[in-house]
Amino acid sequence: MKDRNYFLQKAQENMPRLFYKDIKPQAEKTVFDMGESFVLDLGNHYVGKFSFSLDIFDDFIDAPVQLTIRFGENEREINDDFTVYNGTISRTWLQEENLFVDTPSRVEMPRRYACRYIKITVINVRRPIRLFDFCFTSSTSADMSKLQGADIGDKLLEKIDDVSINTLKECMQTFFEDGPKRDRRIWIGDFRLEALVNHCTFDNKEIVKRCLYLFAAGNCGELGFLPSYIYETPYYFSGRDHLCDYALLYVVTLCDYFDHSQDIETVSDLLPICKKQLESFAAILDDNSIVTHQDGWFVFIDWCEGLRALTSLQGVYLYTLERFSKLLFDIGDKDCEKYEKQLCKIRNLSKQHLYNPEKGVFENELDGHQLSVHSQVWMILGGVISGDEGKKALLATLDNPDAKQPFTPYMRHYVVEAMIKLGMYDEAKEYIKLIWGGMIELGADTFYEVYVPDDPEFSPYGDRKINSLCHAWSCTPSYFIRKYFI
């Protein structure tokens, strides 16, 4: 197996080029006095840095000028009361600056923001001032000239496709970020979905390779799983969370990449790491080859409160085994037969121990007999059930108010993927229109981190204000639209 320095060097060799664009919003006037405020509209969501000019109006500025500048991903965020915040993660992610400008000057704000709207309030000034020549310099590694067009023929799906691509574009910086406002790191779960959409839109193979190598360089946890997230600014740091479903999806991401690129060199570099993820997972299976509970937070699946996730996790494992077996077959690896036999055996055992044949759903003692969409979806994707049996299980939970439902566009992606696998193309299209179209109705320029139609105020962090309104795992309708619906 290659060492950490090798992986980091390969990641550096695949650093993507950033593209910059100056957006110059206009205010209705240029002269402002104490207490006045105004909002600049960039016309779309952008990620970048803000600058403006401050000058005298009728007399010299003889004391520092105090401004508050807020950056909002939508209009509501611009007007929220930030003094009241009850979230469980740091309020410093709220994009507001208290700025002092000592003299007339060109003000270049050093921090990066993710926004469409910019609200400037003159907090304290001795006499009127001029504020003008506003410029927001956006950045992305998405090359718009390489965007692959699509003849969709459905106005709502066309709009959803546009917003999906915009979401991905904003999250494509020097690597695939989860959210450009918050958290500005790369999580494997987001990465897998971003890469899928990138393959059918911008086709930037370098950024995918870069991210694969960044994770390969990470420090594995006690169970041998890759870190679930990576920082690269101001230096490389691999996260301390090791979610085993994400570790498995790293393997799937490499499989997706090879299917798209046929890059055997990268696969050869990373194959030992992928095998290690599957070996590590096999070590937490019981005598019936069913995943066992581990101490601590070891699986994500979704932000659905109270979700019991062992059955879902078993499905992620089978999904990964199937994809990895195909990869090994494609490259002629000698271990292919071993993984294929394991896949067949564990599928049979999974149905035997996790399926309730009387109800026709996955509902079992290991998950406290909890009924969830998540369990059905991942068992379908894992190939444990299919055809009419799969359709029955999925519809029985999607239409059941007592069943646990998906909360994130991340999990909803896999709902759509399960529908596609079952041949439910019309249902998949309507589901996309319901969920992502619902965000369009709310005026979304980019798709949100979390969207619950019946609970628009929901936040997994306890306060809606901290939610990301441009989040990587929400960009996948473009993948389905372009692959299946054109």
Protein backbone atom coordinates (compact mmCIF):
# COMPACT_ATOMS: atom_id res chain seq x y z
CA MET A 1 0.00 0.00 0.00
CA LYS A 2 1.27 3.48 -0.88
CA ASP A 3 2.11 5.80 2.03
CA ARG A 4 0.46 9.02 3.20
CA ASN A 5 2.97 11.31 1.49
CA TYR A 6 2.33 9.62 -1.85
CA PHE A 7 -1.42 10.15 -1.53
CA LEU A 8 -1.00 13.80 -0.55
CA GLN A 9 1.34 14.39 -3.47
CA LYS A 10 -1.18 12.85 -5.87
CA ALA A 11 -3.89 15.05 -4.38
CA GLN A 12 -1.70 18.12 -4.94
CA GLU A 13 -1.04 17.13 -8.55
CA ASN A 14 -4.80 17.20 -9.16
CA MET A 15 -5.45 20.63 -7.66
CA PRO A 16 -8.24 22.15 -9.81
CA ARG A 17 -8.09 25.58 -11.38
CA LEU A 18 -10.38 28.18 -9.84
CA PHE A 19 -12.50 30.43 -12.04
CA TYR A 20 -13.31 33.95 -10.84
CA LYS A 21 -16.09 36.33 -11.79
CA ASP A 22 -16.82 39.89 -10.65
CA ILE A 23 -20.47 40.60 -9.84
CA LYS A 24 -21.20 44.32 -9.40
CA PRO A 25 -24.54 44.92 -7.69
CA GLN A 26 -26.02 48.41 -7.60
CA ALA A 27 -27.57 50.28 -4.67
CA GLU A 28 -30.41 52.75 -5.23
CA LYS A 29 -28.29 55.58 -3.86
CA THR A 30 -24.70 56.18 -2.71
CA VAL A 31 -25.00 58.56 0.27
CA PHE A 32 -25.91 57.11 3.68
CA ASP A 33 -26.27 58.43 7.21
CA MET A 34 -26.35 56.83 10.65
CA GLY A 35 -29.00 54.13 11.04
CA GLU A 36 -29.63 53.63 7.33
CA SER A 37 -29.38 50.22 5.73
CA PHE A 38 -29.73 48.77 2.24
CA VAL A 39 -29.59 45.38 0.52
CA LEU A 40 -27.55 44.40 -2.52
CA ASP A 41 -28.88 41.57 -4.69
CA LEU A 42 -26.25 39.57 -6.60
CA GLY A 43 -28.98 37.98 -8.72
CA ASN A 44 -27.94 34.44 -7.83
CA HIS A 45 -26.09 32.51 -5.13
CA TYR A 46 -22.31 32.98 -5.24
CA VAL A 47 -19.27 32.03 -3.17
CA GLY A 48 -16.46 34.54 -2.86
CA LYS A 49 -15.18 37.80 -1.41
CA PHE A 50 -16.72 41.27 -1.13
CA SER A 51 -15.21 44.72 -1.62
CA PHE A 52 -16.50 48.27 -1.80
CA SER A 53 -15.40 51.89 -1.63
CA LEU A 54 -16.07 54.33 1.23
CA ASP A 55 -15.50 58.05 0.73
CA ILE A 56 -16.48 61.47 2.04
CA PHE A 57 -19.71 63.17 1.01
CA ASP A 58 -19.51 66.85 2.04
CA ASP A 59 -16.77 66.91 4.66
CA PHE A 60 -13.83 64.80 5.74
CA ILE A 61 -14.50 61.69 7.86
CA ASP A 62 -12.93 62.58 11.20
CA ALA A 63 -13.77 59.36 13.09
CA PRO A 64 -13.97 55.66 12.23
CA VAL A 65 -17.12 54.53 10.45
CA GLN A 66 -18.91 51.51 11.95
CA LEU A 67 -20.78 49.21 9.57
CA THR A 68 -22.58 45.91 9.98
CA ILE A 69 -22.46 43.75 6.86
CA ARG A 70 -24.57 40.62 6.65
CA PHE A 71 -24.40 38.00 3.90
CA GLY A 72 -27.53 35.94 3.32
CA GLU A 73 -28.20 32.88 1.19
CA ASN A 74 -31.82 34.02 0.96
CA GLU A 75 -33.83 37.11 1.89
CA ARG A 76 -35.04 35.62 5.16
CA GLU A 77 -31.48 35.16 6.39
CA ILE A 78 -30.78 38.82 5.70
CA ASN A 79 -33.51 39.86 8.13
CA ASP A 80 -33.18 37.17 10.84
CA ASP A 81 -32.48 38.22 14.41
CA PHE A 82 -28.99 36.86 15.02
CA THR A 83 -29.02 37.98 18.66
CA VAL A 84 -31.31 35.04 19.38
CA TYR A 85 -29.55 31.79 18.50
CA ASN A 86 -30.19 28.36 20.03
CA GLY A 87 -28.14 26.12 17.76
CA THR A 88 -25.83 23.34 18.88
CA ILE A 89 -22.97 24.34 16.60
CA SER A 90 -20.98 27.57 16.67
CA ARG A 91 -22.88 30.76 15.92
CA THR A 92 -19.71 32.07 14.24
CA TRP A 93 -20.99 30.38 11.07
CA LEU A 94 -23.66 33.11 10.91
CA GLN A 95 -22.37 35.46 8.22
CA GLU A 96 -22.28 38.89 9.81
CA GLU A 97 -19.37 41.30 10.24
CA ASN A 98 -19.06 44.33 12.53
CA LEU A 99 -16.64 46.46 10.54
CA PHE A 100 -14.74 49.65 11.41
CA VAL A 101 -13.27 51.73 8.59
CA ASP A 102 -10.82 54.40 9.76
CA THR A 103 -10.43 56.50 6.61
CA PRO A 104 -11.84 56.84 3.11
CA SER A 105 -10.58 53.77 1.29
CA ARG A 106 -11.20 50.73 -0.85
CA VAL A 107 -12.33 48.06 1.60
CA GLU A 108 -11.31 44.50 0.66
CA MET A 109 -12.99 42.12 3.08
CA PRO A 110 -10.63 39.15 3.65
CA ARG A 111 -13.12 36.41 4.49
CA ARG A 112 -15.08 34.25 2.04
CA TYR A 113 -18.87 34.24 2.06
CA ALA A 114 -21.71 32.26 0.46
CA CYS A 115 -24.67 34.45 -0.40
CA ARG A 116 -27.07 36.05 -2.80
CA TYR A 117 -27.95 39.08 -0.66
CA ILE A 118 -25.70 41.55 1.18
CA LYS A 119 -27.21 43.88 3.77
CA ILE A 120 -25.15 46.90 4.85
CA THR A 121 -26.17 48.93 7.89
CA VAL A 122 -24.48 52.19 8.90
CA ILE A 123 -24.24 51.77 12.67
CA ASN A 124 -22.19 54.80 13.64
CA VAL A 125 -20.91 57.75 11.64
CA ARG A 126 -20.36 61.43 12.41
CA ARG A 127 -21.71 62.70 9.09
CA PRO A 128 -23.06 61.22 5.84
CA ILE A 129 -20.73 59.01 3.82
CA ARG A 130 -20.59 57.62 0.30
CA LEU A 131 -20.67 53.85 -0.24
CA PHE A 132 -20.24 52.70 -3.82
CA ASP A 133 -18.42 50.49 -6.35
CA PHE A 134 -19.56 47.24 -4.77
CA CYS A 135 -17.96 44.08 -6.10
CA PHE A 136 -18.42 40.43 -5.17
CA THR A 137 -15.68 38.23 -6.69
CA SER A 138 -16.98 34.68 -6.94
CA SER A 139 -14.88 31.52 -7.18
CA THR A 140 -15.55 27.97 -8.34
CA SER A 141 -13.59 25.14 -9.94
CA ALA A 142 -16.58 24.30 -12.14
CA ASP A 143 -15.72 25.22 -15.72
CA MET A 144 -19.03 26.45 -17.12
CA SER A 145 -17.71 26.12 -20.68
CA LYS A 146 -17.58 22.35 -20.20
CA LEU A 147 -21.11 22.02 -18.85
CA GLN A 148 -22.85 19.31 -20.81
CA GLY A 149 -26.21 20.51 -22.09
CA ALA A 150 -29.43 18.54 -21.73
CA ASP A 151 -32.70 18.59 -23.70
CA ILE A 152 -35.12 17.86 -20.86
CA GLY A 153 -38.50 18.97 -22.20
CA ASP A 154 -40.13 19.54 -18.78
CA LYS A 155 -40.05 23.08 -17.39
CA LEU A 156 -39.98 22.11 -13.72
CA LEU A 157 -37.31 19.46 -14.25
CA GLU A 158 -35.31 21.99 -16.30
CA LYS A 159 -35.44 24.42 -13.38
CA ILE A 160 -34.51 21.68 -10.91
CA ASP A 161 -31.60 20.71 -13.16
CA ASP A 162 -30.39 24.33 -13.27
CA VAL A 163 -30.53 24.74 -9.50
CA SER A 164 -28.87 21.36 -8.96
CA ILE A 165 -25.98 22.37 -11.17
CA ASN A 166 -25.72 25.74 -9.43
CA THR A 167 -25.56 23.92 -6.09
CA LEU A 168 -22.72 21.71 -7.30
CA LYS A 169 -20.89 24.67 -8.87
CA GLU A 170 -20.92 26.58 -5.59
CA CYS A 171 -19.56 23.57 -3.69
CA MET A 172 -16.74 22.98 -6.20
CA GLN A 173 -13.81 24.93 -4.85
CA THR A 174 -10.31 23.45 -4.41
CA PHE A 175 -12.11 20.27 -3.44
CA PHE A 176 -15.75 19.20 -3.15
CA GLU A 177 -17.07 21.10 -0.13
CA ASP A 178 -20.17 19.98 1.73
CA GLY A 179 -21.43 23.55 2.10
CA PRO A 180 -19.66 26.79 1.15
CA LYS A 181 -21.25 28.64 4.08
CA ARG A 182 -20.88 25.79 6.57
CA ASP A 183 -18.84 23.50 7.11
CA ARG A 184 -16.42 24.02 4.22
CA ARG A 185 -14.97 20.54 4.51
CA ILE A 186 -15.41 17.42 2.43
CA TRP A 187 -17.51 14.57 3.80
CA ILE A 188 -17.50 11.23 2.00
CA GLY A 189 -21.30 11.13 1.82
CA ASP A 190 -21.45 14.50 0.03
CA PHE A 191 -18.41 13.68 -2.08
CA ARG A 192 -19.98 10.54 -3.51
CA LEU A 193 -23.05 12.46 -4.69
CA GLU A 194 -21.12 15.48 -5.95
CA ALA A 195 -18.88 13.23 -8.03
CA LEU A 196 -21.93 11.53 -9.60
CA VAL A 197 -23.35 14.85 -10.76
CA ASN A 198 -19.95 16.13 -11.85
CA HIS A 199 -19.51 13.10 -14.11
CA CYS A 200 -22.59 14.06 -16.15
CA THR A 201 -22.16 17.85 -16.07
CA PHE A 202 -18.69 19.43 -15.69
CA ASP A 203 -16.71 16.21 -16.15
CA ASN A 204 -13.85 17.41 -13.94
CA LYS A 205 -11.97 14.16 -13.34
CA GLU A 206 -9.09 15.88 -11.55
CA ILE A 207 -11.16 17.13 -8.61
CA VAL A 208 -12.62 13.65 -8.10
CA LYS A 209 -9.14 12.10 -8.10
CA ARG A 210 -7.93 14.80 -5.71
CA CYS A 211 -10.65 14.02 -3.20
CA LEU A 212 -10.12 10.26 -3.45
CA TYR A 213 -6.44 10.73 -2.65
CA LEU A 214 -7.13 13.21 0.17
CA PHE A 215 -9.23 10.61 1.97
CA ALA A 216 -6.67 7.89 1.26
CA ALA A 217 -4.11 9.97 3.17
CA GLY A 218 -6.36 10.21 6.23
CA ASN A 219 -5.81 8.58 9.61
CA CYS A 220 -8.04 5.56 10.07
CA GLY A 221 -9.92 4.98 13.31
CA GLU A 222 -9.64 2.08 15.72
CA LEU A 223 -11.86 -0.10 13.53
CA GLY A 224 -9.85 0.70 10.42
CA PHE A 225 -12.36 2.98 8.73
CA LEU A 226 -11.31 6.04 6.75
CA PRO A 227 -12.04 9.46 8.26
CA SER A 228 -15.48 10.69 7.29
CA TYR A 229 -14.32 14.22 6.51
CA ILE A 230 -11.20 16.15 5.53
CA TYR A 231 -10.01 19.74 5.95
CA GLU A 232 -7.39 21.19 3.62
CA THR A 233 -7.25 24.85 4.77
CA PRO A 234 -4.92 26.14 6.07
CA TYR A 235 -3.33 22.69 6.09
CA TYR A 236 -4.39 19.08 5.69
CA PHE A 237 -6.29 17.54 8.59
CA SER A 238 -8.33 14.34 8.58
CA GLY A 239 -11.39 14.34 10.80
CA ARG A 240 -11.81 12.29 13.97
CA ASP A 241 -15.22 10.84 13.01
CA HIS A 242 -15.10 7.46 11.27
CA LEU A 243 -18.63 6.67 10.11
CA CYS A 244 -18.61 3.19 8.68
CA ASP A 245 -21.40 3.85 6.16
CA TYR A 246 -19.30 6.69 4.77
CA ALA A 247 -16.21 4.48 4.70
CA LEU A 248 -18.15 2.00 2.57
CA LEU A 249 -19.39 4.74 0.26
CA TYR A 250 -15.78 5.76 -0.37
CA VAL A 251 -15.45 2.38 -2.06
CA VAL A 252 -18.59 3.05 -4.12
CA THR A 253 -17.21 6.46 -5.13
CA LEU A 254 -14.10 4.82 -6.55
CA CYS A 255 -16.32 2.37 -8.45
CA ASP A 256 -18.35 5.27 -9.88
CA TYR A 257 -15.14 7.04 -10.87
CA PHE A 258 -13.76 4.00 -12.67
CA ASP A 259 -17.03 3.42 -14.52
CA HIS A 260 -16.78 7.00 -15.78
CA SER A 261 -13.05 7.32 -16.40
CA GLN A 262 -11.56 3.81 -16.81
CA ASP A 263 -8.59 5.19 -14.83
CA ILE A 264 -6.87 1.96 -13.84
CA GLU A 265 -3.86 3.74 -12.31
CA THR A 266 -5.95 5.47 -9.64
CA VAL A 267 -7.90 2.29 -8.94
CA SER A 268 -4.65 0.36 -8.48
CA ASP A 269 -3.41 2.96 -6.01
CA LEU A 270 -6.58 2.88 -3.94
CA LEU A 271 -7.67 -0.75 -4.21
CA PRO A 272 -5.88 -1.88 -0.99
CA ILE A 273 -7.64 0.88 0.96
CA CYS A 274 -11.02 -0.19 -0.41
CA LYS A 275 -10.38 -3.80 0.53
CA LYS A 276 -9.42 -2.63 4.01
CA GLN A 277 -12.78 -0.86 4.42
CA LEU A 278 -14.67 -4.05 3.57
CA GLU A 279 -12.45 -6.17 5.82
CA SER A 280 -13.00 -3.72 8.68
CA PHE A 281 -16.74 -3.88 8.19
CA ALA A 282 -16.74 -7.69 8.06
CA ALA A 283 -15.10 -7.61 11.49
CA ILE A 284 -18.22 -6.05 13.06
CA LEU A 285 -20.62 -8.68 11.71
CA ASP A 286 -22.08 -11.31 14.04
CA ASP A 287 -22.24 -15.07 13.46
CA ASN A 288 -25.20 -14.55 11.13
CA SER A 289 -23.24 -11.96 9.09
CA ILE A 290 -25.44 -9.15 10.43
CA VAL A 291 -23.83 -5.88 11.50
CA THR A 292 -23.58 -5.39 15.26
CA HIS A 293 -23.98 -2.21 17.26
CA GLN A 294 -20.77 -0.37 18.18
CA ASP A 295 -20.21 2.11 21.00
CA GLY A 296 -20.48 5.76 19.97
CA TRP A 297 -21.79 7.42 16.81
CA PHE A 298 -20.67 5.10 14.05
CA VAL A 299 -23.28 5.53 11.33
CA PHE A 300 -25.11 8.45 9.73
CA ILE A 301 -27.76 7.36 7.15
CA ASP A 302 -29.95 10.45 7.74
CA TRP A 303 -30.81 13.27 10.17
CA CYS A 304 -34.16 11.63 10.95
CA GLU A 305 -34.61 11.86 14.72
CA GLY A 306 -34.69 8.51 16.51
CA LEU A 307 -33.77 6.49 13.44
CA ARG A 308 -32.58 2.93 14.14
CA ALA A 309 -30.05 2.28 11.42
CA LEU A 310 -28.64 -1.27 11.62
CA THR A 311 -30.78 -2.60 8.78
CA SER A 312 -29.94 0.40 6.63
CA LEU A 313 -26.26 -0.05 7.36
CA GLN A 314 -26.48 -3.71 6.37
CA GLY A 315 -27.91 -2.54 3.05
CA VAL A 316 -25.08 -0.06 2.53
CA TYR A 317 -22.65 -2.94 3.03
CA LEU A 318 -24.37 -5.13 0.46
CA TYR A 319 -24.63 -2.20 -1.98
CA THR A 320 -20.88 -1.70 -1.64
CA LEU A 321 -20.10 -5.38 -2.01
CA GLU A 322 -22.05 -5.53 -5.26
CA ARG A 323 -20.35 -2.46 -6.74
CA PHE A 324 -16.90 -3.56 -5.58
CA SER A 325 -17.35 -7.08 -6.98
CA LYS A 326 -18.17 -5.56 -10.37
CA LEU A 327 -15.09 -3.33 -10.21
CA LEU A 328 -12.87 -6.31 -9.42
CA PHE A 329 -14.42 -8.24 -12.31
CA ASP A 330 -13.85 -5.32 -14.69
CA ILE A 331 -10.15 -5.06 -13.80
CA GLY A 332 -9.57 -8.80 -13.55
CA ASP A 333 -8.70 -8.87 -9.84
CA LYS A 334 -8.30 -12.37 -8.36
CA ASP A 335 -10.43 -11.51 -5.31
CA CYS A 336 -13.56 -10.96 -7.39
CA GLU A 337 -14.98 -14.45 -6.77
CA LYS A 338 -14.44 -14.16 -3.00
CA TYR A 339 -16.47 -10.96 -2.77
CA GLU A 340 -19.20 -12.29 -5.08
CA LYS A 341 -19.66 -15.37 -2.84
CA GLN A 342 -19.74 -13.14 0.23
CA LEU A 343 -22.37 -10.93 -1.40
CA CYS A 344 -24.65 -13.85 -2.24
CA LYS A 345 -24.32 -15.41 1.21
CA ILE A 346 -24.96 -12.20 3.16
CA ARG A 347 -27.93 -11.22 1.01
CA ASN A 348 -29.64 -14.49 1.89
CA LEU A 349 -28.84 -14.15 5.59
CA SER A 350 -30.00 -10.53 5.62
CA LYS A 351 -33.43 -11.46 4.33
CA GLN A 352 -33.63 -14.38 6.74
CA HIS A 353 -32.85 -12.29 9.84
CA LEU A 354 -34.06 -8.76 9.00
CA TYR A 355 -37.20 -9.22 6.87
CA ASN A 356 -40.74 -9.63 8.18
CA PRO A 357 -42.46 -11.84 5.55
CA GLU A 358 -45.90 -11.40 7.10
CA LYS A 359 -45.78 -7.62 6.70
CA GLY A 360 -43.62 -7.64 3.59
CA VAL A 361 -41.18 -5.09 5.04
CA PHE A 362 -37.86 -4.93 6.86
CA GLU A 363 -38.87 -4.57 10.48
CA ASN A 364 -36.87 -6.51 13.04
CA GLU A 365 -35.77 -6.85 16.64
CA LEU A 366 -32.28 -5.46 15.96
CA ASP A 367 -33.87 -2.11 15.05
CA GLY A 368 -36.45 -2.31 17.84
CA HIS A 369 -39.11 -3.32 15.29
CA GLN A 370 -38.95 0.23 13.94
CA LEU A 371 -40.46 0.74 10.49
CA SER A 372 -38.54 3.13 8.25
CA VAL A 373 -38.24 4.13 4.62
CA HIS A 374 -34.48 3.98 5.15
CA SER A 375 -34.43 0.24 5.86
CA GLN A 376 -36.50 -0.60 2.79
CA VAL A 377 -34.43 1.64 0.52
CA TRP A 378 -31.07 0.26 1.55
CA MET A 379 -32.23 -3.36 1.41
CA ILE A 380 -33.51 -2.70 -2.13
CA LEU A 381 -30.23 -1.05 -3.11
CA GLY A 382 -28.39 -3.94 -1.46
CA GLY A 383 -30.26 -6.37 -3.68
CA VAL A 384 -31.99 -8.26 -0.87
CA ILE A 385 -35.43 -7.72 -2.42
CA SER A 386 -36.45 -6.55 -5.87
CA GLY A 387 -39.38 -6.38 -8.28
CA ASP A 388 -42.90 -6.35 -6.87
CA GLU A 389 -41.62 -7.36 -3.44
CA GLY A 390 -39.40 -4.29 -3.37
CA LYS A 391 -42.14 -1.97 -4.63
CA LYS A 392 -44.51 -3.24 -1.96
CA ALA A 393 -42.00 -2.65 0.84
CA LEU A 394 -41.08 0.83 -0.37
CA LEU A 395 -44.63 2.03 -0.93
CA ALA A 396 -45.77 0.54 2.38
CA THR A 397 -43.40 2.89 4.22
CA LEU A 398 -43.51 5.98 2.01
CA ASP A 399 -47.30 6.07 2.46
CA ASN A 400 -47.23 5.23 6.17
CA PRO A 401 -47.34 8.20 8.60
CA ASP A 402 -46.05 5.93 11.38
CA ALA A 403 -42.89 5.00 9.46
CA LYS A 404 -39.68 7.00 9.82
CA GLN A 405 -39.31 9.24 6.78
CA PRO A 406 -36.18 10.79 5.18
CA PHE A 407 -35.23 14.27 6.41
CA THR A 408 -32.30 15.12 4.15
CA PRO A 409 -31.94 15.41 0.38
CA TYR A 410 -29.00 13.04 0.93
CA MET A 411 -31.28 10.18 1.99
CA ARG A 412 -33.90 11.22 -0.55
CA HIS A 413 -31.29 10.66 -3.26
CA TYR A 414 -31.18 7.00 -2.28
CA VAL A 415 -34.99 6.83 -2.25
CA VAL A 416 -34.94 7.94 -5.89
CA GLU A 417 -32.11 5.52 -6.66
CA ALA A 418 -34.15 2.67 -5.18
CA MET A 419 -37.17 3.68 -7.28
CA ILE A 420 -35.03 3.69 -10.40
CA LYS A 421 -33.67 0.25 -9.55
CA LEU A 422 -37.23 -1.04 -9.22
CA GLY A 423 -38.22 0.49 -12.57
CA MET A 424 -40.44 3.10 -10.88
CA TYR A 425 -39.41 5.89 -13.23
CA ASP A 426 -42.65 7.87 -13.06
CA GLU A 427 -42.69 7.68 -9.26
CA ALA A 428 -39.03 8.77 -9.12
CA LYS A 429 -39.73 11.76 -11.34
CA GLU A 430 -42.72 12.83 -9.23
CA TYR A 431 -40.72 12.39 -6.02
CA ILE A 432 -38.00 14.69 -7.36
CA LYS A 433 -40.64 17.25 -8.32
CA LEU A 434 -42.23 17.01 -4.87
CA ILE A 435 -39.03 17.41 -2.82
CA TRP A 436 -36.67 19.50 -4.94
CA GLY A 437 -39.58 21.25 -6.63
CA GLY A 438 -40.77 22.21 -3.14
CA MET A 439 -37.51 24.06 -2.57
CA ILE A 440 -37.93 25.76 -5.95
CA GLU A 441 -41.33 27.02 -4.78
CA LEU A 442 -39.57 28.56 -1.77
CA GLY A 443 -37.33 30.51 -4.16
CA ALA A 444 -34.21 28.36 -3.87
CA ASP A 445 -31.23 29.43 -5.99
CA THR A 446 -29.38 26.41 -4.58
CA PHE A 447 -30.72 23.35 -2.80
CA TYR A 448 -30.79 23.07 0.97
CA GLU A 449 -28.98 20.91 3.50
CA VAL A 450 -32.30 19.75 4.94
CA TYR A 451 -35.85 20.10 3.68
CA VAL A 452 -38.88 18.62 5.40
CA PRO A 453 -42.05 19.73 3.58
CA ASP A 454 -44.22 19.37 6.69
CA ASP A 455 -41.67 21.06 8.97
CA PRO A 456 -39.86 23.87 7.11
CA GLU A 457 -38.36 25.15 10.39
CA PHE A 458 -36.57 21.87 11.11
CA SER A 459 -32.87 22.02 11.85
CA PRO A 460 -30.69 19.09 12.95
CA TYR A 461 -28.74 21.68 14.97
CA GLY A 462 -31.63 23.18 16.90
CA ASP A 463 -31.90 26.49 15.03
CA ARG A 464 -32.93 27.01 11.40
CA LYS A 465 -30.63 30.03 11.04
CA ILE A 466 -27.54 27.80 11.02
CA ASN A 467 -28.83 25.50 8.25
CA SER A 468 -26.90 25.56 5.00
CA LEU A 469 -29.04 26.67 2.05
CA CYS A 470 -26.47 25.48 -0.46
CA HIS A 471 -25.43 21.95 0.34
CA ALA A 472 -23.57 19.44 -1.79
CA TRP A 473 -25.65 16.37 -1.04
CA SER A 474 -28.71 18.12 -2.48
CA CYS A 475 -27.42 18.47 -6.05
CA THR A 476 -28.27 15.01 -7.40
CA PRO A 477 -31.49 15.57 -9.39
CA SER A 478 -29.26 16.49 -12.33
CA TYR A 479 -27.77 13.00 -12.22
CA PHE A 480 -31.18 11.32 -12.42
CA ILE A 481 -32.61 13.78 -14.93
CA ARG A 482 -29.68 13.45 -17.31
CA LYS A 483 -29.22 9.70 -16.97
CA TYR A 484 -32.82 8.47 -16.85
CA PHE A 485 -35.36 11.15 -17.79
CA ILE A 486 -34.07 12.64 -21.06
